[in-house]
Amino acid sequence: MDKAHAAPRCCARTRSGLSCQSPAMANGRCRMHGGASTGPRTAEGLARSKRAAWKHGRRSARYVALKRLVKQAARDLRETTKLSEQMLRNAGW
């Protein structure tokens, strides 16, 4: 226990205004006051981070493009149907 008590302290300011007395890690701060994450540093880590943040894909570029194609196909189909009905009416059907 003597080594634990001899460890350097965090010394970050707490909400009460006093210094934090938790033992410091290698970065000089405790586990609660360690600071913000620096994020992924490698391309592999960045790719893993992007995969972890993926939720559903309903706003992805592929989905938006597919939705646009489906809407255009539906408009074309409605227009074709309307023209066919007009042609049949004009032919006396």
N, C-alpha and C. Protein backbone atom coordinates (compact mmCIF):
# COMPACT_ATOMS: atom_id res chain seq x y z
N MET A 1 0.82 -1.19 0.00
CA MET A 1 0.00 0.00 0.00
C MET A 1 0.87 1.26 0.00
N ASP A 2 2.09 1.14 0.47
CA ASP A 2 2.95 2.33 0.50
C ASP A 2 3.19 2.86 -0.90
N LYS A 3 3.36 1.92 -1.89
CA LYS A 3 3.60 2.36 -3.27
C LYS A 3 2.36 3.06 -3.84
N ALA A 4 1.18 2.56 -3.49
CA ALA A 4 -0.05 3.18 -3.97
C ALA A 4 -0.19 4.60 -3.42
N HIS A 5 0.19 4.79 -2.20
CA HIS A 5 0.10 6.12 -1.59
C HIS A 5 1.20 7.04 -2.11
N ALA A 6 2.29 6.46 -2.58
CA ALA A 6 3.41 7.27 -3.06
C ALA A 6 3.26 7.65 -4.53
N ALA A 7 2.28 7.09 -5.21
CA ALA A 7 2.10 7.38 -6.64
C ALA A 7 1.77 8.85 -6.84
N PRO A 8 2.17 9.42 -7.96
CA PRO A 8 1.82 10.82 -8.23
C PRO A 8 0.31 10.97 -8.34
N ARG A 9 -0.19 12.12 -8.00
CA ARG A 9 -1.62 12.38 -7.99
C ARG A 9 -2.05 13.13 -9.23
N CYS A 10 -3.34 13.03 -9.55
CA CYS A 10 -3.92 13.66 -10.75
C CYS A 10 -3.88 15.18 -10.66
N CYS A 11 -4.35 15.75 -9.59
CA CYS A 11 -4.36 17.19 -9.32
C CYS A 11 -5.27 18.00 -10.23
N ALA A 12 -6.18 17.37 -10.96
CA ALA A 12 -7.17 18.12 -11.74
C ALA A 12 -8.15 18.74 -10.77
N ARG A 13 -8.75 19.84 -11.13
CA ARG A 13 -9.72 20.51 -10.27
C ARG A 13 -11.04 19.76 -10.32
N THR A 14 -11.63 19.51 -9.18
CA THR A 14 -12.92 18.84 -9.11
C THR A 14 -14.02 19.89 -9.04
N ARG A 15 -15.27 19.46 -9.06
CA ARG A 15 -16.39 20.41 -8.98
C ARG A 15 -16.42 21.14 -7.66
N SER A 16 -15.88 20.53 -6.63
CA SER A 16 -15.85 21.20 -5.33
C SER A 16 -14.73 22.23 -5.24
N GLY A 17 -13.87 22.29 -6.26
CA GLY A 17 -12.78 23.26 -6.27
C GLY A 17 -11.48 22.72 -5.72
N LEU A 18 -11.50 21.53 -5.14
CA LEU A 18 -10.28 20.93 -4.62
C LEU A 18 -9.57 20.14 -5.71
N SER A 19 -8.36 19.72 -5.43
CA SER A 19 -7.60 18.91 -6.38
C SER A 19 -8.02 17.45 -6.27
N CYS A 20 -8.07 16.76 -7.40
CA CYS A 20 -8.37 15.32 -7.41
C CYS A 20 -7.19 14.59 -6.79
N GLN A 21 -7.47 13.65 -5.94
CA GLN A 21 -6.40 12.93 -5.24
C GLN A 21 -6.23 11.50 -5.74
N SER A 22 -6.84 11.16 -6.90
CA SER A 22 -6.69 9.82 -7.44
C SER A 22 -5.28 9.63 -7.98
N PRO A 23 -4.76 8.41 -7.93
CA PRO A 23 -3.43 8.17 -8.48
C PRO A 23 -3.42 8.42 -9.99
N ALA A 24 -2.35 9.01 -10.49
CA ALA A 24 -2.24 9.35 -11.90
C ALA A 24 -1.78 8.16 -12.72
N MET A 25 -2.20 8.13 -13.99
CA MET A 25 -1.73 7.12 -14.93
C MET A 25 -0.46 7.66 -15.59
N ALA A 26 -0.02 7.00 -16.65
CA ALA A 26 1.22 7.41 -17.34
C ALA A 26 1.09 8.80 -17.96
N ASN A 27 -0.13 9.19 -18.34
CA ASN A 27 -0.29 10.50 -18.96
C ASN A 27 -0.37 11.63 -17.94
N GLY A 28 -0.29 11.31 -16.66
CA GLY A 28 -0.30 12.32 -15.62
C GLY A 28 -1.66 12.62 -15.05
N ARG A 29 -2.71 12.03 -15.61
CA ARG A 29 -4.06 12.25 -15.10
C ARG A 29 -4.65 10.93 -14.65
N CYS A 30 -5.73 11.01 -13.89
CA CYS A 30 -6.38 9.79 -13.41
C CYS A 30 -7.33 9.25 -14.48
N ARG A 31 -7.95 8.14 -14.21
CA ARG A 31 -8.85 7.52 -15.18
C ARG A 31 -10.09 8.37 -15.41
N MET A 32 -10.45 9.22 -14.48
CA MET A 32 -11.64 10.07 -14.65
C MET A 32 -11.30 11.39 -15.33
N HIS A 33 -10.08 11.86 -15.18
CA HIS A 33 -9.69 13.14 -15.76
C HIS A 33 -8.63 12.97 -16.84
N GLY A 34 -8.66 11.86 -17.54
CA GLY A 34 -7.62 11.54 -18.51
C GLY A 34 -7.61 12.41 -19.75
N GLY A 35 -8.67 13.13 -20.02
CA GLY A 35 -8.70 13.99 -21.19
C GLY A 35 -9.45 13.34 -22.33
N ALA A 36 -9.65 14.11 -23.39
CA ALA A 36 -10.41 13.63 -24.55
C ALA A 36 -9.60 12.62 -25.34
N SER A 37 -10.30 11.74 -26.02
CA SER A 37 -9.65 10.75 -26.87
C SER A 37 -9.04 11.43 -28.08
N THR A 38 -7.91 10.93 -28.53
CA THR A 38 -7.27 11.48 -29.72
C THR A 38 -7.82 10.84 -30.98
N GLY A 39 -8.64 9.82 -30.83
CA GLY A 39 -9.24 9.16 -31.99
C GLY A 39 -8.30 8.16 -32.62
N PRO A 40 -8.78 7.47 -33.67
CA PRO A 40 -7.95 6.48 -34.34
C PRO A 40 -6.78 7.14 -35.06
N ARG A 41 -5.64 6.49 -35.03
CA ARG A 41 -4.43 7.05 -35.63
C ARG A 41 -4.03 6.36 -36.93
N THR A 42 -4.53 5.17 -37.18
CA THR A 42 -4.17 4.44 -38.39
C THR A 42 -5.37 4.34 -39.32
N ALA A 43 -5.12 4.01 -40.58
CA ALA A 43 -6.22 3.83 -41.54
C ALA A 43 -7.13 2.68 -41.10
N GLU A 44 -6.52 1.63 -40.56
CA GLU A 44 -7.30 0.48 -40.09
C GLU A 44 -8.20 0.89 -38.92
N GLY A 45 -7.65 1.68 -37.99
CA GLY A 45 -8.43 2.14 -36.86
C GLY A 45 -9.56 3.07 -37.28
N LEU A 46 -9.30 3.91 -38.28
CA LEU A 46 -10.34 4.81 -38.78
C LEU A 46 -11.46 4.03 -39.44
N ALA A 47 -11.11 3.00 -40.23
CA ALA A 47 -12.13 2.16 -40.86
C ALA A 47 -12.96 1.43 -39.81
N ARG A 48 -12.32 0.94 -38.77
CA ARG A 48 -13.03 0.24 -37.69
C ARG A 48 -13.97 1.21 -36.97
N SER A 49 -13.52 2.44 -36.78
CA SER A 49 -14.35 3.45 -36.13
C SER A 49 -15.58 3.79 -36.98
N LYS A 50 -15.41 3.88 -38.28
CA LYS A 50 -16.54 4.17 -39.17
C LYS A 50 -17.55 3.03 -39.16
N ARG A 51 -17.06 1.78 -39.16
CA ARG A 51 -17.97 0.63 -39.11
C ARG A 51 -18.75 0.61 -37.81
N ALA A 52 -18.11 1.00 -36.71
CA ALA A 52 -18.76 0.97 -35.41
C ALA A 52 -19.85 2.04 -35.32
N ALA A 53 -19.70 3.14 -36.06
CA ALA A 53 -20.66 4.24 -36.00
C ALA A 53 -21.82 4.05 -36.98
N TRP A 54 -21.75 3.05 -37.87
CA TRP A 54 -22.79 2.81 -38.88
C TRP A 54 -24.08 2.41 -38.18
N LYS A 55 -25.19 3.04 -38.53
CA LYS A 55 -26.44 2.74 -37.86
C LYS A 55 -27.39 1.95 -38.74
N HIS A 56 -27.81 2.49 -39.88
CA HIS A 56 -28.79 1.78 -40.68
C HIS A 56 -28.54 1.94 -42.18
N GLY A 57 -27.93 2.99 -42.64
CA GLY A 57 -27.63 3.17 -44.05
C GLY A 57 -28.74 3.79 -44.86
N ARG A 58 -29.81 4.26 -44.23
CA ARG A 58 -30.91 4.83 -45.00
C ARG A 58 -30.57 6.19 -45.60
N ARG A 59 -29.46 6.76 -45.23
CA ARG A 59 -29.03 8.02 -45.82
C ARG A 59 -27.72 7.87 -46.56
N SER A 60 -27.30 6.64 -46.79
CA SER A 60 -26.05 6.42 -47.52
C SER A 60 -26.24 6.80 -48.98
N ALA A 61 -25.15 7.07 -49.67
CA ALA A 61 -25.21 7.49 -51.07
C ALA A 61 -25.88 6.40 -51.94
N ARG A 62 -25.56 5.14 -51.68
CA ARG A 62 -26.16 4.06 -52.46
C ARG A 62 -27.66 4.00 -52.27
N TYR A 63 -28.12 4.13 -51.04
CA TYR A 63 -29.56 4.06 -50.76
C TYR A 63 -30.29 5.25 -51.38
N VAL A 64 -29.72 6.44 -51.26
CA VAL A 64 -30.36 7.63 -51.82
C VAL A 64 -30.45 7.51 -53.34
N ALA A 65 -29.39 7.02 -53.98
CA ALA A 65 -29.41 6.84 -55.44
C ALA A 65 -30.46 5.80 -55.84
N LEU A 66 -30.55 4.71 -55.09
CA LEU A 66 -31.54 3.67 -55.39
C LEU A 66 -32.95 4.22 -55.22
N LYS A 67 -33.19 4.98 -54.16
CA LYS A 67 -34.50 5.56 -53.92
C LYS A 67 -34.88 6.51 -55.05
N ARG A 68 -33.91 7.28 -55.53
CA ARG A 68 -34.15 8.20 -56.64
C ARG A 68 -34.55 7.42 -57.90
N LEU A 69 -33.86 6.31 -58.18
CA LEU A 69 -34.18 5.48 -59.34
C LEU A 69 -35.59 4.89 -59.23
N VAL A 70 -35.95 4.41 -58.05
CA VAL A 70 -37.27 3.81 -57.85
C VAL A 70 -38.37 4.86 -58.06
N LYS A 71 -38.15 6.07 -57.53
CA LYS A 71 -39.14 7.13 -57.71
C LYS A 71 -39.29 7.50 -59.17
N GLN A 72 -38.16 7.56 -59.89
CA GLN A 72 -38.22 7.89 -61.33
C GLN A 72 -38.95 6.79 -62.09
N ALA A 73 -38.70 5.52 -61.73
CA ALA A 73 -39.38 4.41 -62.39
C ALA A 73 -40.89 4.47 -62.13
N ALA A 74 -41.28 4.83 -60.92
CA ALA A 74 -42.70 4.94 -60.59
C ALA A 74 -43.35 6.08 -61.40
N ARG A 75 -42.64 7.21 -61.54
CA ARG A 75 -43.18 8.32 -62.35
C ARG A 75 -43.33 7.90 -63.81
N ASP A 76 -42.31 7.20 -64.33
CA ASP A 76 -42.37 6.73 -65.72
C ASP A 76 -43.54 5.77 -65.91
N LEU A 77 -43.75 4.88 -64.96
CA LEU A 77 -44.83 3.90 -65.06
C LEU A 77 -46.20 4.59 -65.04
N ARG A 78 -46.36 5.60 -64.16
CA ARG A 78 -47.62 6.35 -64.13
C ARG A 78 -47.87 7.08 -65.46
N GLU A 79 -46.82 7.67 -66.00
CA GLU A 79 -46.96 8.38 -67.27
C GLU A 79 -47.31 7.42 -68.41
N THR A 80 -46.65 6.26 -68.43
CA THR A 80 -46.93 5.26 -69.46
C THR A 80 -48.37 4.76 -69.34
N THR A 81 -48.82 4.53 -68.11
CA THR A 81 -50.20 4.07 -67.89
C THR A 81 -51.19 5.13 -68.38
N LYS A 82 -50.93 6.38 -68.07
CA LYS A 82 -51.82 7.46 -68.48
C LYS A 82 -51.88 7.55 -70.01
N LEU A 83 -50.72 7.44 -70.68
CA LEU A 83 -50.70 7.48 -72.15
C LEU A 83 -51.45 6.29 -72.75
N SER A 84 -51.26 5.12 -72.15
CA SER A 84 -51.95 3.92 -72.66
C SER A 84 -53.46 4.07 -72.53
N GLU A 85 -53.92 4.61 -71.40
CA GLU A 85 -55.37 4.82 -71.21
C GLU A 85 -55.91 5.82 -72.23
N GLN A 86 -55.14 6.86 -72.51
CA GLN A 86 -55.57 7.85 -73.50
C GLN A 86 -55.65 7.22 -74.89
N MET A 87 -54.66 6.41 -75.22
CA MET A 87 -54.65 5.76 -76.53
C MET A 87 -55.85 4.82 -76.68
N LEU A 88 -56.18 4.07 -75.61
CA LEU A 88 -57.31 3.14 -75.65
C LEU A 88 -58.63 3.91 -75.77
N ARG A 89 -58.76 5.04 -75.08
CA ARG A 89 -59.96 5.85 -75.17
C ARG A 89 -60.12 6.41 -76.59
N ASN A 90 -59.02 6.87 -77.16
CA ASN A 90 -59.07 7.43 -78.51
C ASN A 90 -59.40 6.35 -79.56
N ALA A 91 -59.01 5.09 -79.26
CA ALA A 91 -59.28 4.00 -80.19
C ALA A 91 -60.69 3.46 -80.01
N GLY A 92 -61.41 3.96 -79.02
CA GLY A 92 -62.77 3.55 -78.81
C GLY A 92 -62.93 2.36 -77.89
N TRP A 93 -62.00 2.09 -77.09
CA TRP A 93 -62.09 0.94 -76.17
C TRP A 93 -62.84 1.33 -74.97
